[in-house]
C-alpha cells in the first residue's frame, strides 16, 4: 500500500496511517459506498472517529482538520459536510478536511457528490492575484501519486477550483478543472484540463469516472458537471507489464498550492454533499 504522504507531501507534512481498533481485524475494502452524513446530528464535529465510522477502511486522516455537519438547505433534512478554512491558512493542520479510504482494487470507479460555493467564497486569496485554488475529492490507484511527486506506477484524479487566466489569457476567471497525475504527465504538479466556469453562491454536482484500460489500450477519465460531460481524456495509465488497480477514495479538500499565497484572506466555508462511489457509472 502506498505511503499516506499524498497531496500534502509538497508541504513537508507526514500524515499518520490509520490503524484498526485493537482486537478487531481490518474490514475488507468495499467496491461501493454511499455516505449521506445522516447518522450525525447537525453541528457534529467531523474528525477521525466520524470519518472512520463512515469509511471503515480509513487509510489516514490529517488531524485536526476543520469540518462539521450542516443541514443544507435549512429545513431540507439533507446533511452536508461543512469544511472550514481559517484565514491565512493552507494545506494541513486546522484547515480543510483531508483523509483517504481504501477501496477494493478495481479497473474502474465513479465518484459523485455536490459542492456548494457560498456567496463570499474566495476562489483565490481575496479573489485577487494571479493564481489560486484548491482540491476536491477524487480517486487514485497504484502508488497514488500526488504532491508534486509523479510516479510511473499509479495515478490520481481530482477536480480543483481555480482562479487564474491559464485557459483565458489576459482574463482571470473562476473555474473547475481536472487535476491528473499519471505516468505520462507533462507538468510537475499534475496535468490540468479546463472543465467549466463556476460562480459563488451556486451548487454543482460533480461526477468523476475513471477506467484504467490495459497496458495495450488507453483508459479514460471523464468529468461531468450537473450531468454535462465537461472533460473526457484518453490516457494510457498502465505501462508495459503493469496490473495495478484503482484502490482509494481521496477526500483531500484544502487550499493549495504549497505556500501562503494560496491561503484565503478571510475565513471560508465550503459545503460538500453526500458522496457515492461505485464501480459502475451513475
Protein backbone atom coordinates (compact mmCIF):
# COMPACT_ATOMS: atom_id res chain seq x y z
CA UNK A 1 0.00 0.00 0.00
CA UNK A 2 1.22 3.45 -0.87
CA UNK A 3 2.57 5.96 1.61
CA UNK A 4 -0.03 8.37 3.02
CA UNK A 5 2.01 11.45 2.07
CA UNK A 6 -0.30 12.07 -0.93
CA UNK A 7 -1.03 15.65 -1.87
CA UNK A 8 0.48 17.12 1.32
CA UNK A 9 3.95 15.80 0.61
CA UNK A 10 4.82 19.06 -1.08
CA UNK A 11 4.07 20.85 2.20
CA UNK A 12 6.54 18.74 4.14
CA UNK A 13 3.74 17.13 6.14
CA UNK A 14 3.79 13.44 7.04
CA UNK A 15 0.33 12.03 7.67
CA UNK A 16 -0.18 9.12 10.08
CA UNK A 17 -1.59 5.87 8.78
CA UNK A 18 -4.86 4.91 10.46
CA UNK A 19 -4.75 1.61 12.37
CA UNK A 20 -7.57 -0.86 13.05
CA UNK A 21 -9.17 -0.73 16.50
CA UNK A 22 -7.32 -3.04 18.90
CA UNK A 23 -8.71 -6.56 18.82
CA UNK A 24 -10.54 -6.01 15.54
CA UNK A 25 -9.41 -7.07 12.10
CA UNK A 26 -9.42 -4.52 9.31
CA UNK A 27 -12.56 -4.79 7.13
CA UNK A 28 -12.28 -5.77 3.50
CA UNK A 29 -12.23 -2.71 1.26
CA UNK A 30 -15.63 -2.14 -0.42
CA UNK A 31 -16.28 -1.60 -4.12
CA UNK A 32 -19.15 0.80 -3.40
CA UNK A 33 -20.06 3.35 -0.74
CA UNK A 34 -22.88 5.83 -0.10
CA UNK A 35 -22.20 8.38 2.64
CA UNK A 36 -25.16 10.66 3.41
CA UNK A 37 -23.94 12.00 6.81
CA UNK A 38 -27.43 11.42 8.28
CA UNK A 39 -26.04 9.33 11.14
CA UNK A 40 -24.55 12.56 12.51
CA UNK A 41 -26.57 15.43 14.02
CA UNK A 42 -26.25 18.92 12.58
CA UNK A 43 -23.34 20.69 14.24
CA UNK A 44 -21.40 17.47 14.89
CA UNK A 45 -17.64 17.88 14.51
CA UNK A 46 -16.37 15.60 11.75
CA UNK A 47 -12.97 14.25 12.71
CA UNK A 48 -11.04 11.00 12.54
CA UNK A 49 -13.63 9.00 14.55
CA UNK A 50 -16.54 10.14 12.40
CA UNK A 51 -14.65 9.55 9.15
CA UNK A 52 -13.66 6.05 10.33
CA UNK A 53 -17.32 5.27 11.09
CA UNK A 54 -18.41 6.38 7.61
CA UNK A 55 -15.33 4.91 5.91
CA UNK A 56 -14.29 1.77 7.87
CA UNK A 57 -11.24 1.34 5.63
CA UNK A 58 -9.89 4.77 6.51
CA UNK A 59 -6.22 4.80 5.50
CA UNK A 60 -5.19 8.13 7.05
CA UNK A 61 -6.71 11.31 8.45
CA UNK A 62 -4.86 14.61 8.76
CA UNK A 63 -5.75 15.94 12.21
CA UNK A 64 -7.24 18.09 13.48
CA UNK A 65 -8.90 19.41 10.31
CA UNK A 66 -11.92 21.70 10.34
CA UNK A 67 -15.25 20.10 9.41
CA UNK A 68 -18.79 19.89 10.80
CA UNK A 69 -22.17 18.51 9.77
CA UNK A 70 -24.70 21.03 8.49
CA UNK A 71 -28.28 20.73 7.29
CA UNK A 72 -28.43 22.37 3.88
CA UNK A 73 -30.65 23.93 2.72
CA UNK A 74 -32.12 24.67 6.14
CA UNK A 75 -35.17 22.50 6.78
CA UNK A 76 -34.38 20.14 3.89
CA UNK A 77 -33.36 17.19 6.07
CA UNK A 78 -30.19 16.79 3.96
CA UNK A 79 -26.87 16.73 5.77
CA UNK A 80 -23.72 18.11 4.17
CA UNK A 81 -20.12 18.33 5.29
CA UNK A 82 -19.22 21.94 6.03
CA UNK A 83 -15.46 22.38 5.71
CA UNK A 84 -13.64 25.34 7.21
CA UNK A 85 -10.53 27.16 6.03
CA UNK A 86 -9.36 29.78 8.54
CA UNK A 87 -7.89 32.96 7.11
CA UNK A 88 -4.20 32.82 6.21
CA UNK A 89 -4.01 29.00 6.39
CA UNK A 90 -3.39 26.45 3.67
CA UNK A 91 -2.58 22.76 3.32
CA UNK A 92 -2.53 20.85 6.62
CA UNK A 93 -3.50 21.18 10.27
CA UNK A 94 -6.69 23.01 11.23
CA UNK A 95 -7.55 23.70 7.63
CA UNK A 96 -9.90 21.78 5.36
CA UNK A 97 -10.69 18.08 5.67
CA UNK A 98 -8.14 15.59 4.38
CA UNK A 99 -8.30 11.80 4.51
CA UNK A 100 -8.22 8.73 2.29
CA UNK A 101 -10.12 5.43 2.41
CA UNK A 102 -9.23 2.15 0.74
CA UNK A 103 -11.46 0.69 -1.96
CA UNK A 104 -11.45 -2.82 -3.38
CA UNK A 105 -8.89 -2.92 -6.25
CA UNK A 106 -10.82 -2.47 -9.48
CA UNK A 107 -10.30 -1.30 -13.07
CA UNK A 108 -12.98 1.37 -12.91
CA UNK A 109 -14.68 3.61 -10.36
CA UNK A 110 -17.11 6.53 -10.29
CA UNK A 111 -17.35 9.14 -7.51
CA UNK A 112 -20.26 11.58 -7.31
CA UNK A 113 -21.04 14.48 -4.95
CA UNK A 114 -22.26 18.08 -4.87
CA UNK A 115 -20.20 21.12 -3.92
CA UNK A 116 -21.63 24.48 -2.85
CA UNK A 117 -19.54 27.66 -3.06
CA UNK A 118 -21.01 30.33 -0.70
CA UNK A 119 -21.65 33.85 -1.98
CA UNK A 120 -18.49 35.16 -0.27
CA UNK A 121 -16.27 32.30 -1.45
CA UNK A 122 -12.66 33.19 -2.26
CA UNK A 123 -11.58 31.20 -5.31
CA UNK A 124 -8.16 32.75 -4.70
CA UNK A 125 -6.79 34.93 -1.92
CA UNK A 126 -9.30 37.78 -1.62
CA UNK A 127 -10.31 36.90 -5.21
CA UNK A 128 -7.27 38.83 -6.36
CA UNK A 129 -3.77 37.99 -7.53
CA UNK A 130 -2.75 35.89 -10.50
CA UNK A 131 -3.35 32.40 -9.09
CA UNK A 132 -5.32 30.46 -6.53
CA UNK A 133 -7.44 27.41 -5.93
CA UNK A 134 -7.79 24.17 -4.02
CA UNK A 135 -8.54 20.46 -4.17
CA UNK A 136 -11.80 18.49 -4.11
CA UNK A 137 -12.39 14.74 -3.60
CA UNK A 138 -11.30 12.23 -6.23
CA UNK A 139 -9.83 8.78 -6.84
CA UNK A 140 -6.40 7.17 -7.05
CA UNK A 141 -4.68 3.87 -7.67
CA UNK A 142 -1.35 2.08 -7.77
CA UNK A 143 1.24 4.19 -5.96
CA UNK A 144 -1.25 7.10 -5.51
CA UNK A 145 0.99 9.87 -6.92
CA UNK A 146 0.35 13.41 -5.72
CA UNK A 147 2.01 16.41 -4.08
CA UNK A 148 4.35 17.16 -6.98
CA UNK A 149 5.72 13.61 -6.91
CA UNK A 150 4.72 11.90 -10.13
CA UNK A 151 5.25 8.14 -10.27
CA UNK A 152 5.32 5.65 -13.14
CA UNK A 153 3.09 3.08 -11.42
CA UNK A 154 -0.04 4.92 -10.33
CA UNK A 155 -2.49 7.75 -10.93
CA UNK A 156 -4.75 10.20 -9.14
CA UNK A 157 -7.55 12.40 -10.44
CA UNK A 158 -9.35 15.19 -8.61
CA UNK A 159 -11.37 18.25 -9.52
CA UNK A 160 -9.94 21.60 -8.41
CA UNK A 161 -11.49 25.02 -8.03
CA UNK A 162 -9.23 27.65 -9.61
CA UNK A 163 -8.95 31.38 -10.27
CA UNK A 164 -6.42 32.47 -12.90
CA UNK A 165 -6.07 33.12 -16.63
CA UNK A 166 -4.47 29.77 -17.53
CA UNK A 167 -7.23 28.92 -20.01
CA UNK A 168 -8.26 32.50 -20.84
CA UNK A 169 -5.06 34.55 -21.37
CA UNK A 170 -5.44 38.08 -20.06
CA UNK A 171 -8.82 37.37 -18.45
CA UNK A 172 -8.95 35.93 -14.93
CA UNK A 173 -11.87 33.58 -14.30
CA UNK A 174 -13.25 31.25 -11.63
CA UNK A 175 -13.49 27.69 -12.87
CA UNK A 176 -13.26 23.97 -12.17
CA UNK A 177 -10.59 21.81 -13.74
CA UNK A 178 -9.49 18.18 -13.77
CA UNK A 179 -6.17 17.69 -11.98
CA UNK A 180 -4.46 14.48 -13.09
CA UNK A 181 -1.33 12.62 -12.04
CA UNK A 182 -0.24 9.73 -14.25
CA UNK A 183 2.96 8.22 -15.66
CA UNK A 184 2.97 10.44 -18.75
CA UNK A 185 2.08 13.77 -17.14
CA UNK A 186 3.78 16.81 -18.64
CA UNK A 187 3.54 19.09 -15.58
CA UNK A 188 5.30 18.55 -12.25
CA UNK A 189 2.17 19.24 -10.24
CA UNK A 190 -0.19 17.22 -12.42
CA UNK A 191 -1.79 17.80 -15.81
CA UNK A 192 -4.59 20.37 -15.83
CA UNK A 193 -7.69 20.31 -18.04
CA UNK A 194 -10.32 23.06 -18.04
CA UNK A 195 -13.84 21.90 -17.14
CA UNK A 196 -16.27 24.79 -16.58
CA UNK A 197 -16.58 28.37 -15.33
CA UNK A 198 -18.26 28.49 -11.92
CA UNK A 199 -19.73 31.17 -9.67
CA UNK A 200 -20.05 31.82 -5.94
CA UNK A 201 -23.46 31.19 -4.44
CA UNK A 202 -24.01 28.14 -6.66
CA UNK A 203 -24.19 24.38 -6.16
CA UNK A 204 -22.62 21.99 -8.68
CA UNK A 205 -22.85 18.22 -8.97
CA UNK A 206 -19.52 16.60 -9.89
CA UNK A 207 -19.28 13.08 -11.28
CA UNK A 208 -15.82 11.67 -11.95
CA UNK A 209 -15.40 8.37 -13.81
CA UNK A 210 -12.06 6.59 -14.30
CA UNK A 211 -11.42 3.44 -16.33
CA UNK A 212 -7.82 2.23 -16.33
CA UNK A 213 -7.73 0.29 -19.60
CA UNK A 214 -4.81 -2.12 -20.11
CA UNK A 215 -1.10 -1.79 -20.95
CA UNK A 216 -2.15 -2.15 -24.60
CA UNK A 217 -5.26 0.09 -24.57
CA UNK A 218 -5.99 3.59 -23.29
CA UNK A 219 -8.05 4.18 -20.22
CA UNK A 220 -10.40 7.13 -19.88
CA UNK A 221 -11.11 9.84 -17.36
CA UNK A 222 -14.38 11.75 -17.59
CA UNK A 223 -15.80 14.59 -15.52
CA UNK A 224 -19.45 15.62 -15.65
CA UNK A 225 -20.76 18.81 -14.05
CA UNK A 226 -24.50 18.90 -13.46
CA UNK A 227 -24.86 15.99 -15.85
CA UNK A 228 -22.98 17.62 -18.74
CA UNK A 229 -19.76 15.94 -19.86
CA UNK A 230 -17.05 18.61 -19.46
CA UNK A 231 -13.81 16.59 -19.62
CA UNK A 232 -13.00 13.40 -21.49
CA UNK A 233 -9.41 12.23 -21.85
CA UNK A 234 -7.90 9.04 -23.19
CA UNK A 235 -4.86 8.08 -21.11
CA UNK A 236 -2.52 5.08 -21.22
CA UNK A 237 -2.49 4.70 -17.44
CA UNK A 238 -0.88 1.25 -17.35
CA UNK A 239 2.65 0.74 -18.63
CA UNK A 240 4.06 -2.49 -20.06
CA UNK A 241 3.67 -5.34 -17.60
CA UNK A 242 1.69 -3.28 -15.08
CA UNK A 243 -1.51 -4.52 -13.44
CA UNK A 244 -2.17 -2.11 -10.56
CA UNK A 245 -5.74 -1.04 -9.82
CA UNK A 246 -7.79 1.88 -8.60
CA UNK A 247 -7.97 1.45 -4.85
CA UNK A 248 -8.54 4.69 -2.94
CA UNK A 249 -11.08 7.44 -2.35
CA UNK A 250 -9.19 10.72 -1.86
CA UNK A 251 -11.00 13.23 0.32
CA UNK A 252 -8.27 15.88 0.20
CA UNK A 253 -10.06 19.21 0.48
CA UNK A 254 -7.82 22.21 1.09
CA UNK A 255 -6.49 25.46 -0.38
CA UNK A 256 -3.21 24.90 -2.20
CA UNK A 257 -0.72 25.02 -3.65
CA UNK A 258 2.11 24.86 -1.15
CA UNK A 259 2.78 28.39 0.04
CA UNK A 260 0.88 31.21 1.81
CA UNK A 261 -0.11 32.91 -1.45
CA UNK A 262 -2.75 30.17 -1.79
CA UNK A 263 -4.34 30.87 1.62
CA UNK A 264 -7.70 32.69 1.81
CA UNK A 265 -7.65 36.22 3.21
CA UNK A 266 -10.80 35.61 5.29
CA UNK A 267 -12.37 32.60 7.00
CA UNK A 268 -14.03 30.39 4.39
CA UNK A 269 -16.55 27.54 4.48
CA UNK A 270 -17.30 25.07 1.70
CA UNK A 271 -20.19 22.59 1.59
CA UNK A 272 -19.86 19.04 0.24
CA UNK A 273 -22.96 16.91 -0.19
CA UNK A 274 -23.43 13.15 0.21
CA UNK A 275 -20.79 11.03 -1.55
CA UNK A 276 -21.33 7.95 -3.71
CA UNK A 277 -18.60 5.66 -5.00
CA UNK A 278 -19.21 2.65 -7.24
CA UNK A 279 -17.55 0.52 -9.88
CA UNK A 280 -20.43 1.29 -12.25
CA UNK A 281 -21.24 4.62 -13.94
CA UNK A 282 -24.01 6.69 -12.36
